[in-house]
Amino acid sequence: MGPGIMELLLAIPLYVVAVTTMALGVALGIRWGLKWMLKDISRDPEIEECLKRIFKQSEK
C-alpha cells in the first residue's frame, strides 16, 4: 500500500522546510559570490582607471 495520511501530513512541512533551506542557501551563495567578485574587481587598477574615466565623462 501507499503512504498513509499521517505520512503525507508529516511530509508536507518537511518539503516546505527543505525548499526554504535550499532557497536561502542559494540566495546566500549568490550574495557572497557577488561580494567576493566585487572585492576582486575593486582591486584591479585597470578597471579602476576605466571607471574613473567613465564617471568623469558623465559629470560633464
N, C-alpha and C. Protein backbone atom coordinates (compact mmCIF):
# COMPACT_ATOMS: atom_id res chain seq x y z
N MET A 1 0.84 -1.18 0.00
CA MET A 1 0.00 0.00 0.00
C MET A 1 0.88 1.25 0.00
N GLY A 2 0.29 2.33 -0.38
CA GLY A 2 0.99 3.60 -0.45
C GLY A 2 1.10 4.25 0.92
N PRO A 3 1.62 5.44 0.94
CA PRO A 3 1.76 6.14 2.22
C PRO A 3 0.40 6.50 2.80
N GLY A 4 0.34 6.48 4.12
CA GLY A 4 -0.90 6.83 4.80
C GLY A 4 -1.05 8.33 4.94
N ILE A 5 -2.16 8.74 5.50
CA ILE A 5 -2.46 10.16 5.65
C ILE A 5 -1.47 10.84 6.60
N MET A 6 -1.02 10.11 7.65
CA MET A 6 -0.07 10.71 8.59
C MET A 6 1.29 10.97 7.93
N GLU A 7 1.71 10.04 7.08
CA GLU A 7 2.98 10.25 6.38
C GLU A 7 2.90 11.46 5.46
N LEU A 8 1.77 11.61 4.79
CA LEU A 8 1.60 12.77 3.91
C LEU A 8 1.56 14.07 4.69
N LEU A 9 0.87 14.05 5.84
CA LEU A 9 0.80 15.26 6.67
C LEU A 9 2.16 15.63 7.24
N LEU A 10 3.00 14.65 7.51
CA LEU A 10 4.34 14.94 8.01
C LEU A 10 5.28 15.34 6.87
N ALA A 11 5.04 14.86 5.68
CA ALA A 11 5.93 15.15 4.55
C ALA A 11 5.78 16.59 4.07
N ILE A 12 4.60 17.15 4.12
CA ILE A 12 4.38 18.50 3.60
C ILE A 12 5.24 19.53 4.33
N PRO A 13 5.24 19.59 5.67
CA PRO A 13 6.12 20.56 6.34
C PRO A 13 7.60 20.29 6.08
N LEU A 14 7.98 19.02 5.96
CA LEU A 14 9.38 18.72 5.68
C LEU A 14 9.78 19.23 4.31
N TYR A 15 8.91 19.09 3.33
CA TYR A 15 9.20 19.62 2.00
C TYR A 15 9.31 21.14 2.03
N VAL A 16 8.44 21.80 2.77
CA VAL A 16 8.46 23.26 2.87
C VAL A 16 9.78 23.71 3.51
N VAL A 17 10.19 23.04 4.56
CA VAL A 17 11.45 23.39 5.23
C VAL A 17 12.63 23.14 4.29
N ALA A 18 12.61 22.04 3.56
CA ALA A 18 13.71 21.72 2.65
C ALA A 18 13.81 22.76 1.53
N VAL A 19 12.70 23.13 0.94
CA VAL A 19 12.71 24.11 -0.15
C VAL A 19 13.16 25.48 0.37
N THR A 20 12.68 25.86 1.53
CA THR A 20 13.08 27.14 2.13
C THR A 20 14.57 27.16 2.43
N THR A 21 15.09 26.07 2.97
CA THR A 21 16.52 25.98 3.27
C THR A 21 17.35 26.06 1.99
N MET A 22 16.93 25.36 0.95
CA MET A 22 17.67 25.41 -0.31
C MET A 22 17.63 26.81 -0.92
N ALA A 23 16.48 27.47 -0.88
CA ALA A 23 16.37 28.82 -1.43
C ALA A 23 17.26 29.79 -0.66
N LEU A 24 17.30 29.66 0.65
CA LEU A 24 18.15 30.50 1.48
C LEU A 24 19.63 30.25 1.17
N GLY A 25 19.99 29.00 1.00
CA GLY A 25 21.37 28.66 0.66
C GLY A 25 21.79 29.24 -0.68
N VAL A 26 20.92 29.14 -1.66
CA VAL A 26 21.22 29.71 -2.98
C VAL A 26 21.35 31.23 -2.89
N ALA A 27 20.43 31.87 -2.18
CA ALA A 27 20.47 33.33 -2.05
C ALA A 27 21.76 33.79 -1.35
N LEU A 28 22.13 33.09 -0.28
CA LEU A 28 23.36 33.48 0.42
C LEU A 28 24.59 33.21 -0.44
N GLY A 29 24.57 32.13 -1.19
CA GLY A 29 25.68 31.83 -2.09
C GLY A 29 25.86 32.89 -3.16
N ILE A 30 24.76 33.33 -3.72
CA ILE A 30 24.82 34.39 -4.74
C ILE A 30 25.33 35.68 -4.11
N ARG A 31 24.83 36.00 -2.92
CA ARG A 31 25.24 37.24 -2.25
C ARG A 31 26.74 37.23 -1.95
N TRP A 32 27.22 36.14 -1.37
CA TRP A 32 28.63 36.06 -1.03
C TRP A 32 29.49 36.05 -2.29
N GLY A 33 29.03 35.36 -3.33
CA GLY A 33 29.79 35.32 -4.58
C GLY A 33 29.91 36.70 -5.20
N LEU A 34 28.82 37.45 -5.22
CA LEU A 34 28.87 38.81 -5.77
C LEU A 34 29.76 39.72 -4.93
N LYS A 35 29.70 39.54 -3.63
CA LYS A 35 30.53 40.36 -2.73
C LYS A 35 32.01 40.10 -2.99
N TRP A 36 32.40 38.82 -3.08
CA TRP A 36 33.80 38.49 -3.34
C TRP A 36 34.22 38.95 -4.73
N MET A 37 33.32 38.83 -5.70
CA MET A 37 33.65 39.26 -7.05
C MET A 37 33.88 40.77 -7.09
N LEU A 38 33.03 41.54 -6.43
CA LEU A 38 33.21 42.99 -6.41
C LEU A 38 34.49 43.39 -5.68
N LYS A 39 34.85 42.66 -4.64
CA LYS A 39 36.11 42.96 -3.95
C LYS A 39 37.29 42.71 -4.87
N ASP A 40 37.26 41.62 -5.63
CA ASP A 40 38.35 41.33 -6.56
C ASP A 40 38.42 42.37 -7.67
N ILE A 41 37.26 42.78 -8.18
CA ILE A 41 37.23 43.78 -9.25
C ILE A 41 37.76 45.11 -8.74
N SER A 42 37.41 45.46 -7.52
CA SER A 42 37.83 46.76 -6.99
C SER A 42 39.34 46.84 -6.78
N ARG A 43 40.03 45.72 -6.73
CA ARG A 43 41.48 45.73 -6.55
C ARG A 43 42.23 45.83 -7.87
N ASP A 44 41.52 45.76 -8.99
CA ASP A 44 42.16 45.79 -10.31
C ASP A 44 42.37 47.25 -10.73
N PRO A 45 43.62 47.72 -10.84
CA PRO A 45 43.88 49.12 -11.16
C PRO A 45 43.39 49.50 -12.57
N GLU A 46 43.42 48.57 -13.50
CA GLU A 46 42.97 48.88 -14.87
C GLU A 46 41.47 49.18 -14.90
N ILE A 47 40.71 48.38 -14.20
CA ILE A 47 39.26 48.63 -14.13
C ILE A 47 38.98 49.91 -13.37
N GLU A 48 39.75 50.18 -12.33
CA GLU A 48 39.57 51.41 -11.55
C GLU A 48 39.78 52.64 -12.42
N GLU A 49 40.82 52.63 -13.24
CA GLU A 49 41.07 53.77 -14.14
C GLU A 49 39.94 53.91 -15.16
N CYS A 50 39.47 52.80 -15.68
CA CYS A 50 38.37 52.84 -16.65
C CYS A 50 37.11 53.43 -16.01
N LEU A 51 36.80 53.03 -14.79
CA LEU A 51 35.62 53.57 -14.11
C LEU A 51 35.78 55.06 -13.82
N LYS A 52 36.98 55.49 -13.47
CA LYS A 52 37.21 56.91 -13.23
C LYS A 52 36.94 57.72 -14.49
N ARG A 53 37.42 57.21 -15.64
CA ARG A 53 37.17 57.91 -16.90
C ARG A 53 35.67 57.97 -17.22
N ILE A 54 34.98 56.88 -16.99
CA ILE A 54 33.54 56.84 -17.28
C ILE A 54 32.80 57.84 -16.41
N PHE A 55 33.12 57.88 -15.11
CA PHE A 55 32.40 58.78 -14.22
C PHE A 55 32.77 60.24 -14.47
N LYS A 56 33.98 60.51 -14.88
CA LYS A 56 34.36 61.90 -15.21
C LYS A 56 33.60 62.38 -16.44
N GLN A 57 33.39 61.49 -17.41
CA GLN A 57 32.64 61.87 -18.61
C GLN A 57 31.18 62.11 -18.29
N SER A 58 30.62 61.35 -17.36
CA SER A 58 29.21 61.51 -17.05
C SER A 58 28.94 62.78 -16.24
N GLU A 59 29.95 63.35 -15.59
CA GLU A 59 29.77 64.58 -14.80
C GLU A 59 29.70 65.81 -15.70
N LYS A 60 30.21 65.71 -16.92
CA LYS A 60 30.24 66.88 -17.80
C LYS A 60 28.88 67.23 -18.32
